PDB file of N, CA and C in Angstrom:
ATOM      1  N   MET A   1       0.857  -1.216   0.052  1.00  0.00           N
ATOM      2  CA  MET A   1       0.021  -0.002  -0.059  1.00  0.00           C
ATOM      3  C   MET A   1       0.893   1.275  -0.066  1.00  0.00           C
ATOM      4  N   PRO A   2       0.504   2.279  -0.801  1.00  0.00           N
ATOM      5  CA  PRO A   2       1.296   3.428  -0.785  1.00  0.00           C
ATOM      6  C   PRO A   2       1.056   4.259   0.517  1.00  0.00           C
ATOM      7  N   GLY A   3       2.176   4.884   0.952  1.00  0.00           N
ATOM      8  CA  GLY A   3       2.108   5.753   2.120  1.00  0.00           C
ATOM      9  C   GLY A   3       1.436   7.078   1.794  1.00  0.00           C
ATOM     10  N   ALA A   4       1.471   7.996   2.682  1.00  0.00           N
ATOM     11  CA  ALA A   4       0.886   9.314   2.498  1.00  0.00           C
ATOM     12  C   ALA A   4       1.606  10.049   1.320  1.00  0.00           C
ATOM     13  N   GLY A   5       0.744  10.449   0.370  1.00  0.00           N
ATOM     14  CA  GLY A   5       1.241  11.165  -0.779  1.00  0.00           C
ATOM     15  C   GLY A   5       1.965  10.320  -1.800  1.00  0.00           C
ATOM     16  N   GLN A   6       1.966   8.995  -1.624  1.00  0.00           N
ATOM     17  CA  GLN A   6       2.697   8.106  -2.503  1.00  0.00           C
ATOM     18  C   GLN A   6       1.754   7.496  -3.543  1.00  0.00           C
ATOM     19  N   LYS A   7       2.370   6.860  -4.577  1.00  0.00           N
ATOM     20  CA  LYS A   7       1.690   6.119  -5.559  1.00  0.00           C
ATOM     21  C   LYS A   7       2.416   4.816  -5.785  1.00  0.00           C
ATOM     22  N   LEU A   8       1.710   3.786  -6.227  1.00  0.00           N
ATOM     23  CA  LEU A   8       2.210   2.506  -6.585  1.00  0.00           C
ATOM     24  C   LEU A   8       2.195   2.287  -8.065  1.00  0.00           C
ATOM     25  N   MET A   9       3.376   2.001  -8.686  1.00  0.00           N
ATOM     26  CA  MET A   9       3.370   1.945 -10.117  1.00  0.00           C
ATOM     27  C   MET A   9       3.785   0.449 -10.488  1.00  0.00           C
ATOM     28  N   ARG A  10       3.035  -0.085 -11.470  1.00  0.00           N
ATOM     29  CA  ARG A  10       3.428  -1.375 -12.108  1.00  0.00           C
ATOM     30  C   ARG A  10       4.322  -0.921 -13.314  1.00  0.00           C
ATOM     31  N   LEU A  11       5.584  -1.473 -13.248  1.00  0.00           N
ATOM     32  CA  LEU A  11       6.573  -1.133 -14.239  1.00  0.00           C
ATOM     33  C   LEU A  11       6.465  -2.059 -15.356  1.00  0.00           C
ATOM     34  N   TYR A  12       6.240  -1.497 -16.634  1.00  0.00           N
ATOM     35  CA  TYR A  12       6.251  -2.392 -17.860  1.00  0.00           C
ATOM     36  C   TYR A  12       7.513  -2.377 -18.503  1.00  0.00           C
ATOM     37  N   ALA A  13       8.350  -1.264 -18.471  1.00  0.00           N
ATOM     38  CA  ALA A  13       9.615  -1.249 -19.217  1.00  0.00           C
ATOM     39  C   ALA A  13      10.588  -0.414 -18.421  1.00  0.00           C
ATOM     40  N   ALA A  14      11.859  -0.872 -18.437  1.00  0.00           N
ATOM     41  CA  ALA A  14      12.913  -0.255 -17.605  1.00  0.00           C
ATOM     42  C   ALA A  14      14.198  -0.337 -18.402  1.00  0.00           C
ATOM     43  N   ALA A  15      15.084   0.631 -18.113  1.00  0.00           N
ATOM     44  CA  ALA A  15      16.328   0.632 -18.805  1.00  0.00           C
ATOM     45  C   ALA A  15      17.358   1.053 -17.729  1.00  0.00           C
ATOM     46  N   LEU A  16      18.556   0.324 -17.752  1.00  0.00           N
ATOM     47  CA  LEU A  16      19.713   0.706 -17.038  1.00  0.00           C
ATOM     48  C   LEU A  16      20.551   1.616 -17.940  1.00  0.00           C
ATOM     49  N   ASN A  17      21.058   2.686 -17.390  1.00  0.00           N
ATOM     50  CA  ASN A  17      21.830   3.620 -18.277  1.00  0.00           C
ATOM     51  C   ASN A  17      23.065   4.003 -17.444  1.00  0.00           C
ATOM     52  N   ARG A  18      23.884   5.004 -17.928  1.00  0.00           N
ATOM     53  CA  ARG A  18      25.176   5.342 -17.354  1.00  0.00           C
ATOM     54  C   ARG A  18      24.887   5.890 -15.939  1.00  0.00           C
ATOM     55  N   ARG A  19      23.881   6.623 -15.636  1.00  0.00           N
ATOM     56  CA  ARG A  19      23.656   7.126 -14.258  1.00  0.00           C
ATOM     57  C   ARG A  19      23.482   5.944 -13.271  1.00  0.00           C
ATOM     58  N   ASP A  20      22.877   4.818 -13.707  1.00  0.00           N
ATOM     59  CA  ASP A  20      22.787   3.734 -12.815  1.00  0.00           C
ATOM     60  C   ASP A  20      24.093   3.069 -12.515  1.00  0.00           C
ATOM     61  N   VAL A  21      24.974   3.090 -13.523  1.00  0.00           N
ATOM     62  CA  VAL A  21      26.251   2.445 -13.283  1.00  0.00           C
ATOM     63  C   VAL A  21      27.094   3.369 -12.249  1.00  0.00           C
ATOM     64  N   TYR A  22      26.953   4.732 -12.432  1.00  0.00           N
ATOM     65  CA  TYR A  22      27.637   5.649 -11.527  1.00  0.00           C
ATOM     66  C   TYR A  22      27.165   5.446 -10.075  1.00  0.00           C
ATOM     67  N   LEU A  23      25.756   5.290  -9.943  1.00  0.00           N
ATOM     68  CA  LEU A  23      25.262   5.182  -8.560  1.00  0.00           C
ATOM     69  C   LEU A  23      25.738   3.940  -7.906  1.00  0.00           C
ATOM     70  N   LEU A  24      25.982   2.905  -8.701  1.00  0.00           N
ATOM     71  CA  LEU A  24      26.466   1.619  -8.089  1.00  0.00           C
ATOM     72  C   LEU A  24      27.943   1.676  -7.734  1.00  0.00           C
ATOM     73  N   ASP A  25      28.667   2.714  -8.336  1.00  0.00           N
ATOM     74  CA  ASP A  25      30.035   2.831  -8.059  1.00  0.00           C
ATOM     75  C   ASP A  25      30.314   3.358  -6.589  1.00  0.00           C
ATOM     76  N   GLU A  26      31.063   2.762  -5.738  1.00  0.00           N
ATOM     77  CA  GLU A  26      31.258   3.185  -4.440  1.00  0.00           C
ATOM     78  C   GLU A  26      31.801   4.610  -4.275  1.00  0.00           C
ATOM     79  N   ALA A  27      32.673   5.017  -5.216  1.00  0.00           N
ATOM     80  CA  ALA A  27      33.209   6.314  -5.168  1.00  0.00           C
ATOM     81  C   ALA A  27      32.119   7.424  -5.350  1.00  0.00           C
ATOM     82  N   THR A  28      31.220   7.222  -6.191  1.00  0.00           N
ATOM     83  CA  THR A  28      30.071   8.091  -6.498  1.00  0.00           C
ATOM     84  C   THR A  28      29.149   8.132  -5.272  1.00  0.00           C
ATOM     85  N   GLN A  29      28.846   7.016  -4.692  1.00  0.00           N
ATOM     86  CA  GLN A  29      27.955   6.896  -3.570  1.00  0.00           C
ATOM     87  C   GLN A  29      28.465   7.734  -2.363  1.00  0.00           C
ATOM     88  N   ALA A  30      29.788   7.719  -2.215  1.00  0.00           N
ATOM     89  CA  ALA A  30      30.340   8.462  -1.066  1.00  0.00           C
ATOM     90  C   ALA A  30      30.116   9.944  -1.233  1.00  0.00           C
ATOM     91  N   ALA A  31      30.041  10.417  -2.399  1.00  0.00           N
ATOM     92  CA  ALA A  31      29.848  11.863  -2.752  1.00  0.00           C
ATOM     93  C   ALA A  31      28.401  12.334  -2.608  1.00  0.00           C
ATOM     94  N   GLY A  32      27.417  11.340  -2.663  1.00  0.00           N
ATOM     95  CA  GLY A  32      25.991  11.740  -2.680  1.00  0.00           C
ATOM     96  C   GLY A  32      25.384  11.322  -1.348  1.00  0.00           C
ATOM     97  N   THR A  33      24.053  11.394  -1.372  1.00  0.00           N
ATOM     98  CA  THR A  33      23.248  10.930  -0.174  1.00  0.00           C
ATOM     99  C   THR A  33      22.499   9.684  -0.611  1.00  0.00           C
ATOM    100  N   ALA A  34      22.532   8.670   0.173  1.00  0.00           N
ATOM    101  CA  ALA A  34      21.817   7.382  -0.001  1.00  0.00           C
ATOM    102  C   ALA A  34      20.432   7.526   0.540  1.00  0.00           C
ATOM    103  N   PRO A  35      19.513   6.675   0.192  1.00  0.00           N
ATOM    104  CA  PRO A  35      19.688   5.522  -0.623  1.00  0.00           C
ATOM    105  C   PRO A  35      19.595   5.845  -2.103  1.00  0.00           C
ATOM    106  N   PHE A  36      20.256   5.168  -2.997  1.00  0.00           N
ATOM    107  CA  PHE A  36      20.150   5.344  -4.421  1.00  0.00           C
ATOM    108  C   PHE A  36      19.335   4.259  -4.993  1.00  0.00           C
ATOM    109  N   ILE A  37      18.464   4.601  -5.913  1.00  0.00           N
ATOM    110  CA  ILE A  37      17.618   3.625  -6.521  1.00  0.00           C
ATOM    111  C   ILE A  37      17.993   3.555  -8.014  1.00  0.00           C
ATOM    112  N   PRO A  38      18.381   2.380  -8.489  1.00  0.00           N
ATOM    113  CA  PRO A  38      18.770   2.197  -9.863  1.00  0.00           C
ATOM    114  C   PRO A  38      17.483   2.187 -10.758  1.00  0.00           C
ATOM    115  N   LEU A  39      17.657   2.118 -11.985  1.00  0.00           N
ATOM    116  CA  LEU A  39      16.557   2.106 -13.037  1.00  0.00           C
ATOM    117  C   LEU A  39      16.019   3.525 -13.193  1.00  0.00           C
ATOM    118  N   SER A  40      16.869   4.348 -13.748  1.00  0.00           N
ATOM    119  CA  SER A  40      16.510   5.763 -13.906  1.00  0.00           C
ATOM    120  C   SER A  40      15.392   6.035 -14.901  1.00  0.00           C
ATOM    121  N   ASP A  41      15.232   5.085 -15.869  1.00  0.00           N
ATOM    122  CA  ASP A  41      14.259   5.277 -16.854  1.00  0.00           C
ATOM    123  C   ASP A  41      13.293   4.049 -16.909  1.00  0.00           C
ATOM    124  N   GLY A  42      12.045   4.360 -16.739  1.00  0.00           N
ATOM    125  CA  GLY A  42      11.001   3.356 -16.729  1.00  0.00           C
ATOM    126  C   GLY A  42       9.641   3.903 -17.162  1.00  0.00           C
ATOM    127  N   ALA A  43       8.770   3.035 -17.508  1.00  0.00           N
ATOM    128  CA  ALA A  43       7.410   3.406 -17.884  1.00  0.00           C
ATOM    129  C   ALA A  43       6.440   2.335 -17.374  1.00  0.00           C
ATOM    130  N   GLY A  44       5.283   2.794 -16.987  1.00  0.00           N
ATOM    131  CA  GLY A  44       4.180   1.867 -16.459  1.00  0.00           C
ATOM    132  C   GLY A  44       2.945   2.557 -16.314  1.00  0.00           C
ATOM    133  N   GLU A  45       2.238   1.968 -15.243  1.00  0.00           N
ATOM    134  CA  GLU A  45       0.832   2.454 -14.973  1.00  0.00           C
ATOM    135  C   GLU A  45       0.685   2.462 -13.437  1.00  0.00           C
ATOM    136  N   LEU A  46      -0.058   3.435 -13.015  1.00  0.00           N
ATOM    137  CA  LEU A  46      -0.367   3.561 -11.560  1.00  0.00           C
ATOM    138  C   LEU A  46      -1.448   2.496 -11.216  1.00  0.00           C
ATOM    139  N   ILE A  47      -1.087   1.742 -10.191  1.00  0.00           N
ATOM    140  CA  ILE A  47      -2.181   0.727  -9.784  1.00  0.00           C
ATOM    141  C   ILE A  47      -2.798   1.075  -8.402  1.00  0.00           C
ATOM    142  N   GLU A  48      -2.064   1.933  -7.646  1.00  0.00           N
ATOM    143  CA  GLU A  48      -2.689   2.358  -6.357  1.00  0.00           C
ATOM    144  C   GLU A  48      -2.219   3.761  -6.123  1.00  0.00           C
ATOM    145  N   VAL A  49      -3.085   4.585  -5.597  1.00  0.00           N
ATOM    146  CA  VAL A  49      -2.785   5.963  -5.269  1.00  0.00           C
ATOM    147  C   VAL A  49      -3.300   6.359  -3.895  1.00  0.00           C
ATOM    148  N   ASP A  50      -2.470   6.984  -3.064  1.00  0.00           N
ATOM    149  CA  ASP A  50      -2.952   7.346  -1.724  1.00  0.00           C
ATOM    150  C   ASP A  50      -4.072   8.385  -1.907  1.00  0.00           C
ATOM    151  N   LEU A  51      -5.085   8.358  -0.873  1.00  0.00           N
ATOM    152  CA  LEU A  51      -6.214   9.216  -0.996  1.00  0.00           C
ATOM    153  C   LEU A  51      -5.830  10.715  -0.958  1.00  0.00           C
ATOM    154  N   SER A  52      -4.709  11.068  -0.503  1.00  0.00           N
ATOM    155  CA  SER A  52      -4.324  12.440  -0.444  1.00  0.00           C
ATOM    156  C   SER A  52      -3.809  12.999  -1.768  1.00  0.00           C
ATOM    157  N   VAL A  53      -3.543  12.092  -2.805  1.00  0.00           N
ATOM    158  CA  VAL A  53      -2.973  12.467  -4.045  1.00  0.00           C
ATOM    159  C   VAL A  53      -4.240  12.861  -4.951  1.00  0.00           C
ATOM    160  N   ALA A  54      -4.167  14.177  -5.421  1.00  0.00           N
ATOM    161  CA  ALA A  54      -5.269  14.623  -6.251  1.00  0.00           C
ATOM    162  C   ALA A  54      -5.037  14.575  -7.594  1.00  0.00           C
ATOM    163  N   ARG A  55      -3.845  14.646  -8.112  1.00  0.00           N
ATOM    164  CA  ARG A  55      -3.501  14.784  -9.566  1.00  0.00           C
ATOM    165  C   ARG A  55      -3.557  13.434 -10.291  1.00  0.00           C
ATOM    166  N   TRP A  56      -3.233  12.409  -9.617  1.00  0.00           N
ATOM    167  CA  TRP A  56      -3.116  11.028 -10.269  1.00  0.00           C
ATOM    168  C   TRP A  56      -4.153  10.071  -9.865  1.00  0.00           C
ATOM    169  N   ARG A  57      -4.507   9.138 -10.767  1.00  0.00           N
ATOM    170  CA  ARG A  57      -5.468   8.133 -10.520  1.00  0.00           C
ATOM    171  C   ARG A  57      -5.030   6.782 -10.949  1.00  0.00           C
ATOM    172  N   PRO A  58      -5.448   5.682 -10.382  1.00  0.00           N
ATOM    173  CA  PRO A  58      -5.128   4.355 -10.848  1.00  0.00           C
ATOM    174  C   PRO A  58      -5.464   4.263 -12.386  1.00  0.00           C
ATOM    175  N   GLY A  59      -4.557   3.624 -13.106  1.00  0.00           N
ATOM    176  CA  GLY A  59      -4.710   3.511 -14.540  1.00  0.00           C
ATOM    177  C   GLY A  59      -3.960   4.565 -15.328  1.00  0.00           C
ATOM    178  N   ASP A  60      -3.532   5.611 -14.679  1.00  0.00           N
ATOM    179  CA  ASP A  60      -2.705   6.661 -15.400  1.00  0.00           C
ATOM    180  C   ASP A  60      -1.459   6.042 -15.821  1.00  0.00           C
ATOM    181  N   ARG A  61      -1.048   6.334 -17.120  1.00  0.00           N
ATOM    182  CA  ARG A  61       0.265   5.841 -17.572  1.00  0.00           C
ATOM    183  C   ARG A  61       1.438   6.947 -17.231  1.00  0.00           C
ATOM    184  N   VAL A  62       2.427   6.376 -16.689  1.00  0.00           N
ATOM    185  CA  VAL A  62       3.480   7.317 -16.152  1.00  0.00           C
ATOM    186  C   VAL A  62       4.900   6.791 -16.548  1.00  0.00           C
ATOM    187  N   ILE A  63       5.879   7.797 -16.368  1.00  0.00           N
ATOM    188  CA  ILE A  63       7.360   7.466 -16.612  1.00  0.00           C
ATOM    189  C   ILE A  63       7.994   7.890 -15.293  1.00  0.00           C
ATOM    190  N   THR A  64       9.181   7.349 -15.100  1.00  0.00           N
ATOM    191  CA  THR A  64       9.993   7.732 -13.991  1.00  0.00           C
ATOM    192  C   THR A  64      11.003   8.825 -14.395  1.00  0.00           C
ATOM    193  N   THR A  65      11.442   9.538 -13.429  1.00  0.00           N
ATOM    194  CA  THR A  65      12.497  10.565 -13.719  1.00  0.00           C
ATOM    195  C   THR A  65      13.434  10.752 -12.560  1.00  0.00           C
ATOM    196  N   PHE A  66      14.684  11.079 -12.817  1.00  0.00           N
ATOM    197  CA  PHE A  66      15.541  11.361 -11.662  1.00  0.00           C
ATOM    198  C   PHE A  66      15.708  12.860 -11.405  1.00  0.00           C
ATOM    199  N   PHE A  67      14.873  13.709 -12.100  1.00  0.00           N
ATOM    200  CA  PHE A  67      14.756  15.073 -11.750  1.00  0.00           C
ATOM    201  C   PHE A  67      13.228  15.343 -11.389  1.00  0.00           C
ATOM    202  N   PRO A  68      12.848  14.890 -10.182  1.00  0.00           N
ATOM    203  CA  PRO A  68      11.355  14.942  -9.877  1.00  0.00           C
ATOM    204  C   PRO A  68      10.780  16.342  -9.678  1.00  0.00           C
ATOM    205  N   PHE A  69      11.639  17.337  -9.447  1.00  0.00           N
ATOM    206  CA  PHE A  69      11.184  18.646  -9.170  1.00  0.00           C
ATOM    207  C   PHE A  69      11.447  19.591 -10.341  1.00  0.00           C
ATOM    208  N   TRP A  70      11.871  19.092 -11.492  1.00  0.00           N
ATOM    209  CA  TRP A  70      12.212  19.914 -12.715  1.00  0.00           C
ATOM    210  C   TRP A  70      10.884  20.062 -13.464  1.00  0.00           C
ATOM    211  N   LEU A  71      10.281  21.136 -13.475  1.00  0.00           N
ATOM    212  CA  LEU A  71       8.980  21.387 -14.100  1.00  0.00           C
ATOM    213  C   LEU A  71       9.043  22.026 -15.571  1.00  0.00           C
ATOM    214  N   ASN A  72      10.204  22.368 -16.027  1.00  0.00           N
ATOM    215  CA  ASN A  72      10.350  22.876 -17.387  1.00  0.00           C
ATOM    216  C   ASN A  72      10.440  21.840 -18.444  1.00  0.00           C
TER     217      ASN A  72
END
């Protein structure tokens, strides 16, 4: 079950890319803040949405991003 403000996504497609390799490298991890989640690129469908989430609904098709606050 998704927590407050969270969504649960069924992942249909995913890709490992150079960013994922960097995140798995111990030297890069020491420079950032953990935890790191690989699979920077993915596409799927929302299957559950917390009641406090107004913009999204189950069944919405979505993609992942590693810049979640970039709105441009």
